[in-house]
Structures are given as C-alpha cells and as structure tokens.
C-alpha atoms as a PDB file:
ATOM      1  CA  MET A   1       3.325  13.375 -55.781  1.00  0.00           C
ATOM      2  CA  LEU A   2       0.019  14.088 -54.529  1.00  0.00           C
ATOM      3  CA  VAL A   3      -0.184  10.382 -53.288  1.00  0.00           C
ATOM      4  CA  LYS A   4       3.327  10.750 -51.595  1.00  0.00           C
ATOM      5  CA  LEU A   5       2.128  13.762 -49.987  1.00  0.00           C
ATOM      6  CA  LYS A   6      -0.906  12.222 -48.496  1.00  0.00           C
ATOM      7  CA  GLY A   7       1.080   9.319 -47.326  1.00  0.00           C
ATOM      8  CA  PHE A   8       3.344  11.531 -45.470  1.00  0.00           C
ATOM      9  CA  ILE A   9       0.654  13.516 -43.922  1.00  0.00           C
ATOM     10  CA  SER A  10      -1.022  10.183 -42.760  1.00  0.00           C
ATOM     11  CA  THR A  11       2.389   8.747 -41.356  1.00  0.00           C
ATOM     12  CA  ILE A  12       2.961  12.072 -39.278  1.00  0.00           C
ATOM     13  CA  ARG A  13      -0.626  12.203 -38.045  1.00  0.00           C
ATOM     14  CA  ASN A  14      -0.205   8.677 -36.903  1.00  0.00           C
ATOM     15  CA  LYS A  15       2.792   9.353 -34.939  1.00  0.00           C
ATOM     16  CA  ILE A  16       1.273  12.127 -33.362  1.00  0.00           C
ATOM     17  CA  PHE A  17      -1.656  10.277 -32.394  1.00  0.00           C
ATOM     18  CA  ARG A  18       0.500   7.542 -30.960  1.00  0.00           C
ATOM     19  CA  PHE A  19       2.818   9.949 -29.207  1.00  0.00           C
ATOM     20  CA  ILE A  20      -0.071  11.806 -27.729  1.00  0.00           C
ATOM     21  CA  SER A  21      -1.665   8.155 -26.672  1.00  0.00           C
ATOM     22  CA  VAL A  22       1.533   7.067 -25.020  1.00  0.00           C
ATOM     23  CA  GLN A  23       1.815  10.179 -23.034  1.00  0.00           C
ATOM     24  CA  LEU A  24      -1.789  10.055 -21.804  1.00  0.00           C
ATOM     25  CA  LYS A  25      -1.236   6.659 -20.613  1.00  0.00           C
ATOM     26  CA  ARG A  26       1.986   7.644 -18.740  1.00  0.00           C
ATOM     27  CA  SER A  27      -0.171  10.509 -17.144  1.00  0.00           C
ATOM     28  CA  VAL A  28      -2.992   8.255 -16.114  1.00  0.00           C
ATOM     29  CA  LYS A  29      -0.515   5.894 -14.458  1.00  0.00           C
ATOM     30  CA  ILE A  30       1.374   8.664 -12.784  1.00  0.00           C
ATOM     31  CA  ILE A  31      -2.156  10.244 -11.406  1.00  0.00           C
ATOM     32  CA  LEU A  32      -3.282   6.676 -10.369  1.00  0.00           C
ATOM     33  CA  ARG A  33       0.115   6.092  -8.516  1.00  0.00           C
ATOM     34  CA  ILE A  34      -0.283   9.498  -6.830  1.00  0.00           C
ATOM     35  CA  ILE A  35      -3.756   8.669  -5.778  1.00  0.00           C
ATOM     36  CA  GLU A  36      -2.678   5.292  -4.361  1.00  0.00           C
ATOM     37  CA  GLU A  37       0.168   6.971  -2.369  1.00  0.00           C
ATOM     38  CA  ILE A  38      -2.537   9.352  -0.813  1.00  0.00           C
ATOM     39  CA  PHE A  39      -5.427   6.847  -0.275  1.00  0.00           C
ATOM     40  CA  PRO A  40      -3.594   3.506   0.003  1.00  0.00           C
ATOM     41  CA  VAL A  41      -6.032   1.640   2.088  1.00  0.00           C
ATOM     42  CA  PRO A  42      -8.794   1.140  -0.747  1.00  0.00           C
ATOM     43  CA  PHE A  43      -6.118  -0.130  -3.153  1.00  0.00           C
ATOM     44  CA  TYR A  44      -4.899  -2.682  -0.615  1.00  0.00           C
ATOM     45  CA  SER A  45      -8.429  -4.059  -0.207  1.00  0.00           C
ATOM     46  CA  LYS A  46      -8.738  -4.282  -3.868  1.00  0.00           C
ATOM     47  CA  TYR A  47      -5.560  -6.036  -4.430  1.00  0.00           C
ATOM     48  CA  LYS A  48      -6.379  -8.468  -1.462  1.00  0.00           C
ATOM     49  CA  ARG A  49      -9.752  -9.453  -2.794  1.00  0.00           C
ATOM     50  CA  LYS A  50      -8.328  -9.941  -6.176  1.00  0.00           C
ATOM     51  CA  ILE A  51      -5.480 -12.187  -4.789  1.00  0.00           C
ATOM     52  CA  LEU A  52      -8.226 -14.251  -2.477  1.00  0.00           C
ATOM     53  CA  THR A  53     -10.295 -14.759  -5.533  1.00  0.00           C
ATOM     54  CA  GLU A  54      -7.346 -16.120  -7.370  1.00  0.00           C
ATOM     55  CA  VAL A  55      -6.340 -18.404  -4.612  1.00  0.00           C
ATOM     56  CA  ASN A  56     -10.051 -19.800  -4.324  1.00  0.00           C
ATOM     57  CA  LYS A  57     -10.072 -20.632  -8.119  1.00  0.00           C
ATOM     58  CA  THR A  58      -7.679 -23.675  -7.774  1.00  0.00           C
ATOM     59  CA  GLU A  59      -8.873 -25.218 -11.087  1.00  0.00           C
ATOM     60  CA  GLU A  60      -7.408 -22.175 -12.693  1.00  0.00           C
ATOM     61  CA  LEU A  61      -4.426 -22.070 -10.749  1.00  0.00           C
ATOM     62  CA  ARG A  62      -3.619 -25.684 -11.829  1.00  0.00           C
ATOM     63  CA  LYS A  63      -3.985 -24.344 -15.564  1.00  0.00           C
ATOM     64  CA  SER A  64      -1.500 -21.606 -14.970  1.00  0.00           C
ATOM     65  CA  GLN A  65       2.155 -21.552 -16.504  1.00  0.00           C
ATOM     66  CA  ILE A  66       3.536 -21.106 -12.966  1.00  0.00           C
ATOM     67  CA  PHE A  67       1.789 -24.189 -11.847  1.00  0.00           C
ATOM     68  CA  THR A  68       3.489 -26.068 -14.802  1.00  0.00           C
ATOM     69  CA  LEU A  69       6.917 -24.704 -13.794  1.00  0.00           C
ATOM     70  CA  TYR A  70       6.666 -25.611 -10.109  1.00  0.00           C
ATOM     71  CA  GLN A  71       5.609 -29.184 -10.980  1.00  0.00           C
ATOM     72  CA  GLY A  72       9.072 -29.369 -12.446  1.00  0.00           C
ATOM     73  CA  ILE A  73      10.767 -28.795  -9.289  1.00  0.00           C
ATOM     74  CA  GLU A  74      11.715 -31.752  -7.179  1.00  0.00           C
ATOM     75  CA  GLU A  75       9.583 -32.626  -4.326  1.00  0.00           C
ATOM     76  CA  ASN A  76      12.020 -32.128  -1.450  1.00  0.00           C
ATOM     77  CA  GLU A  77      12.768 -28.638  -3.118  1.00  0.00           C
ATOM     78  CA  LEU A  78       9.065 -27.861  -2.862  1.00  0.00           C
ATOM     79  CA  PHE A  79       8.655 -28.838   0.671  1.00  0.00           C
ATOM     80  CA  ASN A  80      11.615 -26.500   1.342  1.00  0.00           C
ATOM     81  CA  ARG A  81       9.999 -23.557  -0.498  1.00  0.00           C
ATOM     82  CA  ILE A  82       6.982 -23.934   1.507  1.00  0.00           C
ATOM     83  CA  LYS A  83       8.758 -23.963   4.752  1.00  0.00           C
ATOM     84  CA  GLU A  84      10.648 -20.612   3.643  1.00  0.00           C
ATOM     85  CA  GLU A  85       7.369 -19.158   2.748  1.00  0.00           C
ATOM     86  CA  HIS A  86       5.869 -20.196   6.229  1.00  0.00           C
ATOM     87  CA  THR A  87       8.632 -18.562   7.883  1.00  0.00           C
ATOM     88  CA  ARG A  88       8.618 -15.407   5.750  1.00  0.00           C
ATOM     89  CA  ALA A  89       4.808 -15.108   6.605  1.00  0.00           C
ATOM     90  CA  ASN A  90       5.539 -15.365  10.412  1.00  0.00           C
ATOM     91  CA  LEU A  91       8.147 -12.517  10.006  1.00  0.00           C
ATOM     92  CA  LEU A  92       5.681 -10.364   8.020  1.00  0.00           C
ATOM     93  CA  ASP A  93       2.876 -10.950  10.593  1.00  0.00           C
ATOM     94  CA  ASP A  94       5.312 -10.055  13.476  1.00  0.00           C
ATOM     95  CA  LYS A  95       6.623  -6.860  11.763  1.00  0.00           C
ATOM     96  CA  THR A  96       3.222  -5.650  11.043  1.00  0.00           C
ATOM     97  CA  SER A  97       1.968  -6.423  14.803  1.00  0.00           C
ATOM     98  CA  LYS A  98       4.937  -4.413  16.265  1.00  0.00           C
ATOM     99  CA  LEU A  99       3.501  -1.440  14.762  1.00  0.00           C
ATOM    100  CA  THR A 100       0.319  -1.491  16.930  1.00  0.00           C
ATOM    101  CA  LEU A 101       1.774  -0.637  20.331  1.00  0.00           C
ATOM    102  CA  SER A 102       3.819   2.634  18.867  1.00  0.00           C
ATOM    103  CA  ILE A 103       0.791   3.688  16.861  1.00  0.00           C
ATOM    104  CA  SER A 104      -1.285   3.550  19.972  1.00  0.00           C
ATOM    105  CA  PHE A 105       1.059   5.942  21.783  1.00  0.00           C
ATOM    106  CA  GLY A 106       1.502   8.203  18.659  1.00  0.00           C
ATOM    107  CA  LEU A 107      -2.349   8.442  18.180  1.00  0.00           C
ATOM    108  CA  ALA A 108      -2.608   9.952  21.742  1.00  0.00           C
ATOM    109  CA  ILE A 109       0.446  12.425  21.357  1.00  0.00           C
ATOM    110  CA  ILE A 110      -1.030  13.563  17.981  1.00  0.00           C
ATOM    111  CA  GLY A 111      -4.444  14.109  19.393  1.00  0.00           C
ATOM    112  CA  VAL A 112      -3.016  16.191  22.159  1.00  0.00           C
ATOM    113  CA  LEU A 113      -0.682  18.202  19.951  1.00  0.00           C
ATOM    114  CA  SER A 114      -3.176  18.836  17.173  1.00  0.00           C
ATOM    115  CA  SER A 115      -5.633  20.403  19.900  1.00  0.00           C
ATOM    116  CA  ILE A 116      -2.742  22.672  21.056  1.00  0.00           C
ATOM    117  CA  PHE A 117      -1.852  23.745  17.481  1.00  0.00           C
ATOM    118  CA  THR A 118      -5.397  24.560  16.404  1.00  0.00           C
ATOM    119  CA  SER A 119      -6.131  26.522  19.581  1.00  0.00           C
ATOM    120  CA  LYS A 120      -6.656  30.289  19.080  1.00  0.00           C
ATOM    121  CA  LEU A 121      -7.021  30.131  15.419  1.00  0.00           C
ATOM    122  CA  GLU A 122     -10.052  31.447  13.582  1.00  0.00           C
ATOM    123  CA  GLY A 123     -11.679  31.345  10.159  1.00  0.00           C
ATOM    124  CA  ILE A 124     -10.151  29.437   7.171  1.00  0.00           C
ATOM    125  CA  LEU A 125      -6.997  28.542   9.266  1.00  0.00           C
ATOM    126  CA  GLN A 126      -8.749  26.756  11.960  1.00  0.00           C
ATOM    127  CA  LEU A 127     -10.604  24.785   8.908  1.00  0.00           C
ATOM    128  CA  ILE A 128      -7.221  24.065   7.309  1.00  0.00           C
ATOM    129  CA  PHE A 129      -5.562  22.913  10.766  1.00  0.00           C
ATOM    130  CA  PHE A 130      -8.640  20.723  11.715  1.00  0.00           C
ATOM    131  CA  LEU A 131      -8.538  19.170   8.137  1.00  0.00           C
ATOM    132  CA  PHE A 132      -5.037  18.218   8.447  1.00  0.00           C
ATOM    133  CA  SER A 133      -5.464  17.094  12.170  1.00  0.00           C
ATOM    134  CA  SER A 134      -8.264  14.694  10.975  1.00  0.00           C
ATOM    135  CA  PHE A 135      -6.165  13.255   8.411  1.00  0.00           C
ATOM    136  CA  THR A 136      -3.243  12.755  10.545  1.00  0.00           C
ATOM    137  CA  ILE A 137      -5.702  10.890  13.082  1.00  0.00           C
ATOM    138  CA  ILE A 138      -7.475   9.107  10.354  1.00  0.00           C
ATOM    139  CA  TYR A 139      -3.980   7.682   8.868  1.00  0.00           C
ATOM    140  CA  SER A 140      -2.963   6.688  12.258  1.00  0.00           C
ATOM    141  CA  LEU A 141      -6.115   4.974  12.625  1.00  0.00           C
ATOM    142  CA  PHE A 142      -5.877   2.874   9.573  1.00  0.00           C
ATOM    143  CA  CYS A 143      -2.300   2.006  10.521  1.00  0.00           C
ATOM    144  CA  SER A 144      -3.378   0.679  13.712  1.00  0.00           C
ATOM    145  CA  ILE A 145      -6.296  -1.383  12.043  1.00  0.00           C
ATOM    146  CA  LEU A 146      -3.996  -2.960   9.584  1.00  0.00           C
ATOM    147  CA  SER A 147      -1.340  -3.610  12.327  1.00  0.00           C
ATOM    148  CA  ILE A 148      -4.210  -5.185  14.616  1.00  0.00           C
ATOM    149  CA  SER A 149      -5.380  -7.316  11.733  1.00  0.00           C
ATOM    150  CA  SER A 150      -2.139  -9.080  11.466  1.00  0.00           C
ATOM    151  CA  LEU A 151      -3.079 -10.714  14.725  1.00  0.00           C
ATOM    152  CA  LYS A 152      -5.764 -12.532  12.925  1.00  0.00           C
ATOM    153  CA  THR A 153      -3.307 -14.353  10.553  1.00  0.00           C
ATOM    154  CA  LEU A 154      -3.996 -14.942   6.961  1.00  0.00           C
ATOM    155  CA  PRO A 155      -4.425 -18.840   5.824  1.00  0.00           C
ATOM    156  CA  PHE A 156      -1.456 -21.132   5.856  1.00  0.00           C
ATOM    157  CA  TYR A 157      -1.148 -23.599   3.131  1.00  0.00           C
ATOM    158  CA  GLY A 158       1.064 -26.765   3.035  1.00  0.00           C
ATOM    159  CA  TYR A 159       0.965 -28.140   6.536  1.00  0.00           C
ATOM    160  CA  GLY A 160      -1.096 -30.442   8.543  1.00  0.00           C
ATOM    161  CA  SER A 161      -1.953 -34.261   8.027  1.00  0.00           C
ATOM    162  CA  GLN A 162      -4.510 -33.920   5.371  1.00  0.00           C
ATOM    163  CA  PHE A 163      -1.837 -32.008   3.127  1.00  0.00           C
ATOM    164  CA  LEU A 164       0.695 -34.853   3.826  1.00  0.00           C
ATOM    165  CA  ILE A 165      -1.581 -37.374   2.731  1.00  0.00           C
ATOM    166  CA  GLN A 166      -2.739 -35.357  -0.205  1.00  0.00           C
ATOM    167  CA  SER A 167       0.864 -34.689  -1.342  1.00  0.00           C
ATOM    168  CA  LYS A 168       1.755 -38.360  -1.290  1.00  0.00           C
ATOM    169  CA  LYS A 169      -1.184 -39.174  -3.607  1.00  0.00           C
ATOM    170  CA  ASP A 170      -0.410 -36.257  -6.052  1.00  0.00           C
ATOM    171  CA  LYS A 171       2.820 -34.082  -6.249  1.00  0.00           C
ATOM    172  CA  SER A 172       0.732 -31.346  -7.717  1.00  0.00           C
ATOM    173  CA  ASN A 173      -0.796 -30.603  -4.591  1.00  0.00           C
ATOM    174  CA  ILE A 174       2.563 -29.596  -3.099  1.00  0.00           C
ATOM    175  CA  ALA A 175       3.118 -27.118  -6.144  1.00  0.00           C
ATOM    176  CA  LEU A 176      -0.515 -25.839  -5.527  1.00  0.00           C
ATOM    177  CA  ALA A 177       0.019 -25.361  -1.704  1.00  0.00           C
ATOM    178  CA  LEU A 178       3.323 -23.486  -2.810  1.00  0.00           C
ATOM    179  CA  ILE A 179       1.533 -21.083  -5.095  1.00  0.00           C
ATOM    180  CA  CYS A 180      -1.056 -20.274  -2.559  1.00  0.00           C
ATOM    181  CA  GLN A 181       1.461 -19.537   0.203  1.00  0.00           C
ATOM    182  CA  GLU A 182       3.278 -17.325  -1.921  1.00  0.00           C
ATOM    183  CA  LYS A 183      -0.065 -15.310  -2.858  1.00  0.00           C
ATOM    184  CA  MET A 184      -1.006 -15.010   0.889  1.00  0.00           C
ATOM    185  CA  ASN A 185       2.415 -13.646   1.521  1.00  0.00           C
ATOM    186  CA  ILE A 186       1.851 -11.069  -1.077  1.00  0.00           C
ATOM    187  CA  ILE A 187      -1.105 -10.111   0.596  1.00  0.00           C
ATOM    188  CA  ARG A 188       1.105  -9.732   3.816  1.00  0.00           C
ATOM    189  CA  GLN A 189       3.642  -7.651   2.037  1.00  0.00           C
ATOM    190  CA  LEU A 190       1.001  -5.405   0.681  1.00  0.00           C
ATOM    191  CA  ARG A 191      -0.454  -4.945   4.031  1.00  0.00           C
ATOM    192  CA  ASN A 192       3.194  -3.887   5.480  1.00  0.00           C
ATOM    193  CA  GLU A 193       3.607  -1.257   2.586  1.00  0.00           C
ATOM    194  CA  THR A 194       0.051   0.056   3.242  1.00  0.00           C
ATOM    195  CA  ALA A 195       0.683   0.365   6.812  1.00  0.00           C
ATOM    196  CA  TYR A 196       3.850   2.318   6.233  1.00  0.00           C
ATOM    197  CA  MET A 197       2.337   4.700   3.754  1.00  0.00           C
ATOM    198  CA  CYS A 198      -0.453   5.401   6.448  1.00  0.00           C
ATOM    199  CA  ILE A 199       2.288   6.204   8.944  1.00  0.00           C
ATOM    200  CA  ARG A 200       4.315   8.314   6.363  1.00  0.00           C
ATOM    201  CA  ASN A 201       1.022  10.065   5.364  1.00  0.00           C
ATOM    202  CA  SER A 202       0.132  10.911   8.822  1.00  0.00           C
ATOM    203  CA  PHE A 203       3.764  12.142   9.646  1.00  0.00           C
ATOM    204  CA  VAL A 204       3.395  14.446   6.733  1.00  0.00           C
ATOM    205  CA  CYS A 205       0.117  16.064   7.526  1.00  0.00           C
ATOM    206  CA  PHE A 206       1.438  16.549  11.289  1.00  0.00           C
ATOM    207  CA  LEU A 207       4.599  18.069   9.952  1.00  0.00           C
ATOM    208  CA  ILE A 208       2.548  20.300   7.707  1.00  0.00           C
ATOM    209  CA  ILE A 209       0.474  21.454  10.857  1.00  0.00           C
ATOM    210  CA  ILE A 210       3.800  22.054  12.601  1.00  0.00           C
ATOM    211  CA  LEU A 211       5.387  24.240   9.903  1.00  0.00           C
ATOM    212  CA  VAL A 212       2.487  26.331   9.053  1.00  0.00           C
ATOM    213  CA  ARG A 213       1.844  26.916  12.857  1.00  0.00           C
ATOM    214  CA  LEU A 214       5.476  27.963  13.147  1.00  0.00           C
ATOM    215  CA  ILE A 215       5.258  30.315  10.076  1.00  0.00           C
ATOM    216  CA  ILE A 216       2.321  31.971  11.816  1.00  0.00           C
ATOM    217  CA  ILE A 217       4.215  32.576  14.989  1.00  0.00           C
ATOM    218  CA  LEU A 218       7.136  33.983  13.225  1.00  0.00           C
ATOM    219  CA  ILE A 219       5.044  36.220  11.241  1.00  0.00           C
ATOM    220  CA  ALA A 220       3.268  37.444  14.610  1.00  0.00           C
ATOM    221  CA  ILE A 221       6.837  37.856  15.944  1.00  0.00           C
ATOM    222  CA  PHE A 222       8.131  40.041  13.122  1.00  0.00           C
ATOM    223  CA  SER A 223       4.989  42.059  13.143  1.00  0.00           C
ATOM    224  CA  THR A 224       5.258  42.848  16.695  1.00  0.00           C
ATOM    225  CA  VAL A 225       9.068  43.717  16.604  1.00  0.00           C
ATOM    226  CA  ALA A 226       8.299  45.916  13.316  1.00  0.00           C
ATOM    227  CA  THR A 227       5.343  47.629  15.255  1.00  0.00           C
ATOM    228  CA  ILE A 228       7.663  48.432  18.195  1.00  0.00           C
ATOM    229  CA  TYR A 229      10.401  49.908  16.189  1.00  0.00           C
ATOM    230  CA  VAL A 230       8.095  51.660  14.199  1.00  0.00           C
END
C-alpha cells in the first residue's frame, strides 16, 4: 500500500513539474515575441547574420536534407525555380524601397507635430511626451534605413556565365544556387516585415501622444467649464 502511495505521489509530482515547465516555456516564448515586436531591428540583424553564415557554409548545405531533395528535381524545373526566386527578390526590393519616400515625408511631419504637442508642458508629462516623440522618430528612422538598404541589393545566385559553366559540369550547383537564393529572399522578407513593424510602432507611439494630449485638453476644458458654473 505504501509503495503504491509513493508511486502515486511521484506521478503527480512529475505531472506538476511537467505542467510548470510547459507553462514557463510558453511564457518565455510570449515574452520574447513581445520584445521582438517592440524592438524588431536587433532580431532582424540576428536572423540576417545567421542566414548569411548558413549560405557561406556551402559544404554543410550540400549535406543538408533539402539539398538532397532538390537534386531529385529536374534540371529545367530547377532553372525555372531560380528565375521565380529572382523575380520575387526584385519585387521584395522594390516593395521595400518604395517606403523610403513616404517615410522621409513622415519624419518631417512627425518632427513638427511632436514639437507642437510637447509645447507648454512641464514635469513628468513633458518627459513622457519627449520619450514617445523620440521613439516615434527613432522607429521612423530605422524604417528609412531599412528601406534605403534595399537599394544595395543582397547577393543573387544562379545567374551569369560562370554559373552556366558550373551547372553543366555538375547539376548539384543548380540546386545549391536555388537554396542560397531562397535564403537571400528570406532575408528580404524579414527586412520588409521589420520595416512594417517599425512603421506600426512609430504610428502607435504618435497615436499615444495625440490621445494623451487630447485627454489633457478635454480635462482642461471641463475644469474651466466647471469653474465657470460654480
């Protein structure tokens, strides 16, 4: 009886520990996701460095499972896929670069409006408005930098005379070029998403400034009206 009781207690304890462990992992993932949404640029830089490191290690790519799968695709289909990825790369670069002009105008407008909203404020309110105004401009600047960086395009793989010569000698070079080009496009996609998050965060900060400023104005109006009637 005692042995069964010990076994039951041990089972319950293990289940509790397992439940706590799973919940902690979920909480950590949620917290990291929130941090990434608030500060997207460092995470983008981290992922970019990781992908570029993978691309430079061609020998390890040749040993990967995806390389083996790609070698089973016909040569013409591999060339078609590379062309598709080149088209996608140009579209992603174009999509990012178009943000540059709009963000440049946005920065000028935000700078003017922020100075207006922070005027005639004192103490902690002035500090809060200053911080949110700074974050608004910083996020916009990061978005501009990301947009301008698309003008300096990332490497393209699977084109040129040298590639054609290598592909005729060994079909595996076509599969390798496709893998590398896909990874470069992942960086482009991450860059677009990061730029979008910077725009969103900048807009949210500016919206908070406007809402708080409106609340202050409304409170002042109601206080004035109440004083008059009293």
